[in-house]
């Protein structure tokens, strides 16, 4: 498995849609701004220079940019993304944990 370094976070892009329940109804809406420009991504691991907040969010779904500078594809729908891209003002405060 790939281990991110410095301030990079390893994520797996999941869906570019609202988060839905098993019956198809919407559980969590994406904002109008983020609907076409972001994906939900699962945090898989965090680099050694990432904040404790991000390190504690392994397994959470967060909104991740579709693609911007500071993102690198590493295969199997996985990307390493700079932590600051997950903490952008317009995306902040949106994270969910699936059980």
Protein backbone atom coordinates (compact mmCIF):
# COMPACT_ATOMS: atom_id res chain seq x y z
CA UNK A 1 0.00 0.00 0.00
CA UNK A 2 1.12 3.55 -0.69
CA UNK A 3 2.17 5.58 2.35
CA UNK A 4 1.73 9.35 1.98
CA UNK A 5 4.52 11.61 3.23
CA UNK A 6 4.75 15.19 4.48
CA UNK A 7 1.39 16.98 4.22
CA UNK A 8 -0.17 14.60 1.70
CA UNK A 9 -3.30 12.56 2.41
CA UNK A 10 -4.08 9.27 0.65
CA UNK A 11 -7.72 9.21 -0.47
CA UNK A 12 -9.95 6.96 -2.54
CA UNK A 13 -12.43 8.87 -4.68
CA UNK A 14 -15.86 7.36 -4.22
CA UNK A 15 -18.80 9.18 -5.73
CA UNK A 16 -19.66 12.46 -7.38
CA UNK A 17 -23.20 12.64 -6.02
CA UNK A 18 -25.09 13.34 -2.84
CA UNK A 19 -24.53 10.73 -0.12
CA UNK A 20 -27.52 8.41 -0.33
CA UNK A 21 -29.19 5.87 1.93
CA UNK A 22 -29.65 2.27 0.81
CA UNK A 23 -33.17 3.11 -0.43
CA UNK A 24 -31.73 5.85 -2.71
CA UNK A 25 -32.98 8.83 -0.73
CA UNK A 26 -30.48 11.60 0.00
CA UNK A 27 -28.75 11.42 3.38
CA UNK A 28 -26.38 14.39 2.88
CA UNK A 29 -26.63 16.93 0.08
CA UNK A 30 -23.62 18.34 -1.68
CA UNK A 31 -23.73 22.11 -2.05
CA UNK A 32 -24.50 23.72 -5.41
CA UNK A 33 -20.87 24.88 -5.62
CA UNK A 34 -19.41 21.48 -4.95
CA UNK A 35 -21.76 19.29 -7.00
CA UNK A 36 -19.84 19.58 -10.28
CA UNK A 37 -16.37 20.33 -8.91
CA UNK A 38 -15.81 17.78 -6.14
CA UNK A 39 -16.07 14.09 -5.32
CA UNK A 40 -16.62 12.34 -2.04
CA UNK A 41 -13.36 10.69 -1.07
CA UNK A 42 -12.49 8.27 1.73
CA UNK A 43 -9.40 9.19 3.75
CA UNK A 44 -7.14 6.11 3.79
CA UNK A 45 -3.98 7.48 5.43
CA UNK A 46 -2.26 10.76 6.31
CA UNK A 47 1.35 11.87 6.01
CA UNK A 48 3.60 12.61 8.98
CA UNK A 49 3.19 16.40 8.69
CA UNK A 50 -0.62 16.37 8.49
CA UNK A 51 -2.65 17.80 11.34
CA UNK A 52 -3.95 15.53 14.08
CA UNK A 53 -7.46 16.32 12.85
CA UNK A 54 -6.82 14.73 9.46
CA UNK A 55 -4.92 11.80 11.02
CA UNK A 56 -7.97 11.13 13.17
CA UNK A 57 -10.29 11.13 10.16
CA UNK A 58 -9.02 7.93 8.52
CA UNK A 59 -12.12 6.14 7.27
CA UNK A 60 -14.19 9.34 6.95
CA UNK A 61 -15.69 10.62 3.70
CA UNK A 62 -14.76 14.21 2.86
CA UNK A 63 -15.24 16.41 -0.16
CA UNK A 64 -12.21 16.43 -2.41
CA UNK A 65 -11.58 18.56 -5.52
CA UNK A 66 -12.16 16.83 -8.85
CA UNK A 67 -8.61 17.72 -9.89
CA UNK A 68 -6.30 20.62 -9.06
CA UNK A 69 -2.56 21.13 -8.74
CA UNK A 70 -1.36 19.31 -5.62
CA UNK A 71 -3.17 16.06 -6.44
CA UNK A 72 -1.42 12.98 -7.84
CA UNK A 73 -3.11 9.81 -9.13
CA UNK A 74 -1.57 6.65 -7.66
CA UNK A 75 -3.93 4.01 -9.15
CA UNK A 76 -7.11 2.13 -8.23
CA UNK A 77 -9.15 5.35 -7.77
CA UNK A 78 -6.58 6.46 -5.17
CA UNK A 79 -4.94 9.87 -5.04
CA UNK A 80 -2.46 11.63 -2.80
CA UNK A 81 -3.79 15.10 -2.07
CA UNK A 82 -2.27 17.98 -0.14
CA UNK A 83 -4.04 18.39 3.20
CA UNK A 84 -4.79 22.06 2.48
CA UNK A 85 -6.98 21.01 -0.48
CA UNK A 86 -9.28 19.12 1.90
CA UNK A 87 -9.41 22.11 4.26
CA UNK A 88 -10.49 24.74 1.72
CA UNK A 89 -12.99 27.21 3.11
CA UNK A 90 -15.81 26.22 0.74
CA UNK A 91 -15.43 22.52 1.60
CA UNK A 92 -14.74 22.82 5.33
CA UNK A 93 -17.03 21.20 7.84
CA UNK A 94 -18.27 18.38 5.65
CA UNK A 95 -17.15 14.93 6.75
CA UNK A 96 -19.07 11.77 7.50
CA UNK A 97 -18.17 8.40 8.95
CA UNK A 98 -19.73 5.21 7.61
CA UNK A 99 -20.05 2.23 9.92
